[in-house]
Amino acid sequence: MTNPAPVEFRGSALDDLRSFPASARHEAGHQIDQVQHGYEPDDWKPINTVGKGFVKFGFGTLPVRSG
């Protein structure tokens, strides 16, 4: 198994994530894990204005950067 890529939260993203209901946090964690291991999240789009490797997940605004 490979080591997961680091994740960098920007702005209030981590605090926002922590304020989600438990089920949403669980889903967000799963999607972040997907990205960390080189897979695409289920519903996402690139955020090229922020930089290469930044994505926005479809279940909310949660910008993260992997690798």
N, C-alpha and C. Protein backbone atom coordinates (compact mmCIF):
# COMPACT_ATOMS: atom_id res chain seq x y z
N MET A 1 0.84 -1.18 0.00
CA MET A 1 0.00 0.00 0.00
C MET A 1 0.89 1.24 0.00
N THR A 2 0.53 2.22 -0.81
CA THR A 2 1.32 3.45 -0.88
C THR A 2 0.88 4.42 0.21
N ASN A 3 1.78 5.31 0.55
CA ASN A 3 1.44 6.34 1.52
C ASN A 3 0.48 7.34 0.89
N PRO A 4 -0.53 7.78 1.62
CA PRO A 4 -1.46 8.76 1.05
C PRO A 4 -0.76 10.10 0.84
N ALA A 5 -1.16 10.80 -0.22
CA ALA A 5 -0.63 12.13 -0.49
C ALA A 5 -1.13 13.08 0.59
N PRO A 6 -0.34 14.09 0.91
CA PRO A 6 -0.80 15.06 1.92
C PRO A 6 -1.97 15.88 1.37
N VAL A 7 -2.78 16.38 2.27
CA VAL A 7 -3.91 17.23 1.91
C VAL A 7 -3.72 18.57 2.59
N GLU A 8 -3.93 19.63 1.85
CA GLU A 8 -3.81 20.98 2.39
C GLU A 8 -5.17 21.67 2.28
N PHE A 9 -5.75 22.02 3.41
CA PHE A 9 -7.02 22.74 3.42
C PHE A 9 -6.73 24.23 3.34
N ARG A 10 -7.54 24.95 2.59
CA ARG A 10 -7.36 26.40 2.44
C ARG A 10 -8.50 27.14 3.11
N GLY A 11 -8.15 28.32 3.62
CA GLY A 11 -9.17 29.17 4.22
C GLY A 11 -9.88 28.47 5.36
N SER A 12 -11.19 28.54 5.33
CA SER A 12 -12.00 27.96 6.41
C SER A 12 -12.44 26.53 6.10
N ALA A 13 -11.87 25.91 5.05
CA ALA A 13 -12.35 24.60 4.59
C ALA A 13 -12.35 23.54 5.69
N LEU A 14 -11.30 23.46 6.49
CA LEU A 14 -11.25 22.43 7.53
C LEU A 14 -12.27 22.71 8.62
N ASP A 15 -12.38 23.96 9.04
CA ASP A 15 -13.40 24.31 10.04
C ASP A 15 -14.80 24.06 9.49
N ASP A 16 -14.99 24.38 8.22
CA ASP A 16 -16.28 24.11 7.59
C ASP A 16 -16.58 22.62 7.61
N LEU A 17 -15.59 21.81 7.26
CA LEU A 17 -15.77 20.36 7.27
C LEU A 17 -16.14 19.87 8.66
N ARG A 18 -15.47 20.38 9.64
CA ARG A 18 -15.73 19.95 11.02
C ARG A 18 -17.14 20.32 11.49
N SER A 19 -17.74 21.31 10.85
CA SER A 19 -19.09 21.73 11.24
C SER A 19 -20.18 20.91 10.55
N PHE A 20 -19.81 20.05 9.59
CA PHE A 20 -20.78 19.22 8.88
C PHE A 20 -21.35 18.17 9.82
N PRO A 21 -22.55 17.68 9.52
CA PRO A 21 -23.08 16.52 10.26
C PRO A 21 -22.16 15.31 10.07
N ALA A 22 -22.23 14.38 11.00
CA ALA A 22 -21.34 13.22 10.97
C ALA A 22 -21.37 12.47 9.64
N SER A 23 -22.54 12.28 9.07
CA SER A 23 -22.63 11.53 7.81
C SER A 23 -21.92 12.27 6.67
N ALA A 24 -22.02 13.58 6.66
CA ALA A 24 -21.33 14.37 5.63
C ALA A 24 -19.82 14.36 5.85
N ARG A 25 -19.39 14.42 7.12
CA ARG A 25 -17.95 14.32 7.40
C ARG A 25 -17.40 12.98 6.95
N HIS A 26 -18.16 11.93 7.19
CA HIS A 26 -17.74 10.59 6.77
C HIS A 26 -17.59 10.54 5.24
N GLU A 27 -18.56 11.06 4.53
CA GLU A 27 -18.50 11.07 3.06
C GLU A 27 -17.34 11.92 2.58
N ALA A 28 -17.14 13.08 3.19
CA ALA A 28 -16.01 13.94 2.82
C ALA A 28 -14.69 13.21 3.05
N GLY A 29 -14.58 12.54 4.18
CA GLY A 29 -13.37 11.77 4.47
C GLY A 29 -13.10 10.71 3.43
N HIS A 30 -14.15 10.03 3.01
CA HIS A 30 -14.00 9.01 1.97
C HIS A 30 -13.51 9.64 0.67
N GLN A 31 -14.09 10.76 0.29
CA GLN A 31 -13.69 11.41 -0.95
C GLN A 31 -12.25 11.93 -0.88
N ILE A 32 -11.87 12.48 0.26
CA ILE A 32 -10.49 12.94 0.45
C ILE A 32 -9.53 11.76 0.36
N ASP A 33 -9.89 10.64 0.96
CA ASP A 33 -9.06 9.44 0.89
C ASP A 33 -8.89 8.99 -0.55
N GLN A 34 -9.96 9.06 -1.34
CA GLN A 34 -9.87 8.72 -2.76
C GLN A 34 -8.78 9.56 -3.43
N VAL A 35 -8.84 10.87 -3.22
CA VAL A 35 -7.88 11.79 -3.83
C VAL A 35 -6.46 11.49 -3.34
N GLN A 36 -6.32 11.26 -2.05
CA GLN A 36 -4.99 11.00 -1.48
C GLN A 36 -4.34 9.75 -2.08
N HIS A 37 -5.15 8.82 -2.53
CA HIS A 37 -4.62 7.57 -3.08
C HIS A 37 -4.63 7.54 -4.60
N GLY A 38 -4.81 8.72 -5.22
CA GLY A 38 -4.68 8.83 -6.66
C GLY A 38 -5.93 8.58 -7.46
N TYR A 39 -7.06 8.45 -6.80
CA TYR A 39 -8.33 8.23 -7.50
C TYR A 39 -9.13 9.53 -7.54
N GLU A 40 -10.05 9.61 -8.48
CA GLU A 40 -10.90 10.78 -8.56
C GLU A 40 -12.04 10.65 -7.55
N PRO A 41 -12.44 11.78 -6.93
CA PRO A 41 -13.63 11.74 -6.09
C PRO A 41 -14.85 11.47 -6.97
N ASP A 42 -15.96 11.10 -6.37
CA ASP A 42 -17.15 10.74 -7.13
C ASP A 42 -17.72 11.91 -7.94
N ASP A 43 -17.73 13.10 -7.38
CA ASP A 43 -18.32 14.27 -8.03
C ASP A 43 -17.41 15.46 -7.75
N TRP A 44 -16.73 15.95 -8.76
CA TRP A 44 -15.74 16.99 -8.53
C TRP A 44 -15.52 17.81 -9.78
N LYS A 45 -14.82 18.92 -9.61
CA LYS A 45 -14.34 19.70 -10.74
C LYS A 45 -13.03 20.35 -10.33
N PRO A 46 -12.14 20.56 -11.29
CA PRO A 46 -10.86 21.20 -10.97
C PRO A 46 -11.07 22.68 -10.64
N ILE A 47 -10.20 23.20 -9.80
CA ILE A 47 -10.20 24.63 -9.49
C ILE A 47 -8.88 25.19 -10.00
N ASN A 48 -8.82 25.42 -11.29
CA ASN A 48 -7.57 25.86 -11.92
C ASN A 48 -7.17 27.27 -11.50
N THR A 49 -8.12 28.07 -11.06
CA THR A 49 -7.77 29.42 -10.62
C THR A 49 -6.96 29.40 -9.33
N VAL A 50 -7.07 28.33 -8.56
CA VAL A 50 -6.29 28.19 -7.33
C VAL A 50 -4.93 27.59 -7.65
N GLY A 51 -4.92 26.59 -8.51
CA GLY A 51 -3.66 25.96 -8.90
C GLY A 51 -3.87 24.51 -9.30
N LYS A 52 -2.87 23.95 -9.94
CA LYS A 52 -2.94 22.57 -10.39
C LYS A 52 -3.09 21.64 -9.19
N GLY A 53 -3.98 20.67 -9.32
CA GLY A 53 -4.17 19.69 -8.26
C GLY A 53 -5.26 20.04 -7.27
N PHE A 54 -5.85 21.24 -7.39
CA PHE A 54 -6.94 21.62 -6.49
C PHE A 54 -8.25 21.15 -7.09
N VAL A 55 -9.11 20.62 -6.23
CA VAL A 55 -10.41 20.15 -6.68
C VAL A 55 -11.50 20.64 -5.74
N LYS A 56 -12.71 20.72 -6.27
CA LYS A 56 -13.88 21.05 -5.47
C LYS A 56 -14.82 19.88 -5.55
N PHE A 57 -15.20 19.35 -4.40
CA PHE A 57 -16.10 18.20 -4.37
C PHE A 57 -17.53 18.68 -4.57
N GLY A 58 -18.36 17.82 -5.17
CA GLY A 58 -19.72 18.19 -5.51
C GLY A 58 -20.68 18.25 -4.34
N PHE A 59 -20.37 17.62 -3.21
CA PHE A 59 -21.33 17.60 -2.10
C PHE A 59 -21.25 18.85 -1.26
N GLY A 60 -20.37 19.75 -1.58
CA GLY A 60 -20.21 21.01 -0.86
C GLY A 60 -18.96 21.71 -1.33
N THR A 61 -18.65 22.81 -0.74
CA THR A 61 -17.44 23.53 -1.12
C THR A 61 -16.34 23.12 -0.15
N LEU A 62 -15.45 22.28 -0.64
CA LEU A 62 -14.38 21.76 0.20
C LEU A 62 -13.11 21.69 -0.64
N PRO A 63 -12.45 22.84 -0.87
CA PRO A 63 -11.24 22.79 -1.67
C PRO A 63 -10.11 22.12 -0.93
N VAL A 64 -9.47 21.17 -1.56
CA VAL A 64 -8.31 20.48 -1.00
C VAL A 64 -7.27 20.35 -2.09
N ARG A 65 -6.05 20.13 -1.69
CA ARG A 65 -4.98 19.91 -2.64
C ARG A 65 -4.26 18.65 -2.24
N SER A 66 -4.04 17.78 -3.21
CA SER A 66 -3.27 16.56 -2.94
C SER A 66 -1.93 16.66 -3.62
N GLY A 67 -0.94 15.96 -3.05
CA GLY A 67 0.37 15.85 -3.67
C GLY A 67 1.10 17.07 -3.75
